Amino acid sequence: MRLKRKAENKRQKTITGSLKNKTPAEKECVEICTAWVKTLAGANIPLSKTDHPLVREFLDRRVRNGGVISARTQLTDTFLPEVYLKEKENLKQKRKDKKIAVSFVECCDEARSVLNVLFAPLQPDFSRQVNSFFGGYSVFRCC
């Protein structure tokens, strides 16, 4: 009976279970991984580069708490959706109550799809030109 209780207490937490009740160290890990995903996405660097041995060595040795950065699969599954939703909301707030044109371009190959979104304000700037900017969304999905 005693062994059974010990075994029950040593169960591993699931990712979703771990993210609900976080210790300060776990919160910092989430913050670091979220910042890492945001940085790589903003610099147009694939999350898979996190798993490269040289990048991993650099993170482990030179970056404070860099060793807690997860592998690509966990970054993609756990942290990327959150970063995407926050960036999407930030973009909505920047363009709130303004008229814009939106262009979607999807590129596909055998294994992946990329969706690029281009936003162009429909109001001229101070030089009377309509300037567009890249919305920053590149959504990868495996087929």
Protein backbone atom coordinates (compact mmCIF):
# COMPACT_ATOMS: atom_id res chain seq x y z
CA MET A 1 0.00 0.00 0.00
CA ARG A 2 2.84 2.38 0.89
CA LEU A 3 4.64 1.69 -2.39
CA LYS A 4 1.48 2.44 -4.31
CA ARG A 5 1.21 5.91 -2.67
CA LYS A 6 4.84 6.67 -3.50
CA ALA A 7 4.26 5.67 -7.12
CA GLU A 8 1.19 7.93 -7.31
CA ASN A 9 3.18 10.90 -5.97
CA LYS A 10 5.94 10.41 -8.55
CA ARG A 11 3.72 10.70 -11.62
CA GLN A 12 5.00 13.07 -14.23
CA LYS A 13 2.99 16.19 -14.92
CA THR A 14 1.52 16.79 -18.34
CA ILE A 15 2.48 19.96 -20.19
CA THR A 16 -0.97 21.48 -19.78
CA GLY A 17 -1.04 20.48 -16.12
CA SER A 18 2.36 22.02 -15.57
CA LEU A 19 1.35 25.29 -17.16
CA LYS A 20 -1.62 25.75 -14.81
CA ASN A 21 0.17 25.82 -11.42
CA LYS A 22 3.60 27.31 -11.92
CA THR A 23 6.44 27.85 -9.52
CA PRO A 24 8.56 30.99 -10.03
CA ALA A 25 11.14 28.86 -11.90
CA GLU A 26 8.46 27.42 -14.16
CA LYS A 27 7.06 30.90 -14.84
CA GLU A 28 10.53 32.10 -15.83
CA CYS A 29 10.94 29.08 -18.11
CA VAL A 30 7.67 29.96 -19.86
CA GLU A 31 8.76 33.60 -20.20
CA ILE A 32 12.13 32.60 -21.68
CA CYS A 33 10.62 30.13 -24.14
CA THR A 34 7.94 32.63 -25.17
CA ALA A 35 10.57 35.35 -25.72
CA TRP A 36 12.72 32.89 -27.69
CA VAL A 37 9.82 31.97 -30.00
CA LYS A 38 8.93 35.63 -30.49
CA THR A 39 12.55 36.51 -31.27
CA LEU A 40 13.03 33.70 -33.79
CA ALA A 41 9.69 34.40 -35.47
CA GLY A 42 10.46 38.13 -35.64
CA ALA A 43 13.87 37.43 -37.19
CA ASN A 44 12.39 34.88 -39.61
CA ILE A 45 14.53 32.07 -38.15
CA PRO A 46 12.93 28.61 -38.12
CA LEU A 47 12.24 27.20 -34.65
CA SER A 48 14.07 24.04 -35.73
CA LYS A 49 17.37 25.96 -35.43
CA THR A 50 16.91 25.66 -31.65
CA ASP A 51 17.82 21.98 -31.96
CA HIS A 52 21.06 22.65 -33.87
CA PRO A 53 24.03 21.52 -31.72
CA LEU A 54 25.87 24.86 -32.00
CA VAL A 55 22.78 26.86 -31.06
CA ARG A 56 22.04 24.49 -28.17
CA GLU A 57 25.64 24.77 -26.93
CA PHE A 58 25.48 28.57 -27.15
CA LEU A 59 22.21 28.68 -25.22
CA ASP A 60 23.51 26.32 -22.55
CA ARG A 61 26.85 28.07 -22.01
CA ARG A 62 26.36 31.73 -22.87
CA VAL A 63 22.71 32.60 -22.20
CA ARG A 64 21.47 32.91 -18.65
CA ASN A 65 18.84 30.19 -18.22
CA GLY A 66 19.23 29.32 -21.91
CA GLY A 67 19.29 25.65 -21.01
CA VAL A 68 15.58 25.75 -20.15
CA ILE A 69 14.60 26.58 -23.73
CA SER A 70 12.65 23.62 -25.05
CA ALA A 71 13.19 21.67 -28.25
CA ARG A 72 11.43 22.67 -31.47
CA THR A 73 8.44 20.38 -31.05
CA GLN A 74 7.51 21.74 -27.64
CA LEU A 75 8.16 25.33 -28.77
CA THR A 76 5.86 24.76 -31.74
CA ASP A 77 3.13 22.96 -29.83
CA THR A 78 3.12 24.92 -26.58
CA PHE A 79 4.54 28.41 -27.07
CA LEU A 80 4.00 29.33 -30.73
CA PRO A 81 0.18 29.44 -30.55
CA GLU A 82 0.34 31.84 -27.57
CA VAL A 83 2.87 34.11 -29.30
CA TYR A 84 0.78 34.05 -32.48
CA LEU A 85 -2.40 35.07 -30.67
CA LYS A 86 -0.66 37.92 -28.81
CA GLU A 87 0.92 39.27 -32.01
CA LYS A 88 -2.40 38.99 -33.81
CA GLU A 89 -4.11 40.97 -31.04
CA ASN A 90 -1.34 43.62 -31.08
CA LEU A 91 -1.78 44.00 -34.82
CA LYS A 92 -5.54 44.35 -34.42
CA GLN A 93 -5.04 47.09 -31.83
CA LYS A 94 -2.61 48.99 -34.08
CA ARG A 95 -5.10 48.97 -36.95
CA LYS A 96 -8.27 49.38 -34.91
CA ASP A 97 -10.87 51.62 -36.59
CA LYS A 98 -8.70 52.10 -39.68
CA LYS A 99 -9.46 50.98 -43.20
CA ILE A 100 -6.96 48.48 -44.56
CA ALA A 101 -6.46 46.21 -47.53
CA VAL A 102 -5.40 42.65 -46.72
CA SER A 103 -3.60 40.30 -49.09
CA PHE A 104 -3.06 36.60 -48.35
CA VAL A 105 -0.40 34.57 -50.14
CA GLU A 106 -0.06 30.85 -49.50
CA CYS A 107 2.89 28.79 -50.68
CA CYS A 108 2.89 25.01 -50.40
CA ASP A 109 5.29 22.16 -50.92
CA GLU A 110 4.95 18.49 -50.07
CA ALA A 111 5.43 18.85 -46.32
CA ARG A 112 4.59 22.45 -45.39
CA SER A 113 2.42 25.43 -46.10
CA VAL A 114 3.29 29.06 -45.45
CA LEU A 115 0.66 31.76 -45.20
CA ASN A 116 1.89 35.35 -45.55
CA VAL A 117 -0.43 38.25 -44.78
CA LEU A 118 0.19 41.74 -46.19
CA PHE A 119 -1.62 44.75 -44.75
CA ALA A 120 -1.87 48.11 -46.49
CA PRO A 121 -3.54 51.12 -44.86
CA LEU A 122 -6.01 52.79 -47.17
CA GLN A 123 -5.27 56.26 -45.80
CA PRO A 124 -2.38 58.23 -47.26
CA ASP A 125 0.47 59.27 -45.00
CA PHE A 126 1.94 62.78 -44.75
CA SER A 127 3.51 62.43 -48.24
CA ARG A 128 0.09 61.49 -49.72
CA GLN A 129 1.24 57.92 -50.46
CA VAL A 130 -0.35 54.71 -49.29
CA ASN A 131 2.42 52.70 -47.64
CA SER A 132 2.02 49.01 -46.95
CA PHE A 133 3.84 46.94 -44.39
CA PHE A 134 4.24 43.24 -43.89
CA GLY A 135 1.97 42.10 -41.09
CA GLY A 136 4.52 39.64 -39.81
CA TYR A 137 2.47 36.49 -39.95
CA SER A 138 4.01 33.35 -41.33
CA VAL A 139 1.99 30.34 -40.34
CA PHE A 140 3.57 26.95 -40.89
CA ARG A 141 1.56 23.79 -40.81
CA CYS A 142 2.51 20.24 -41.64
CA CYS A 143 0.24 18.41 -44.02
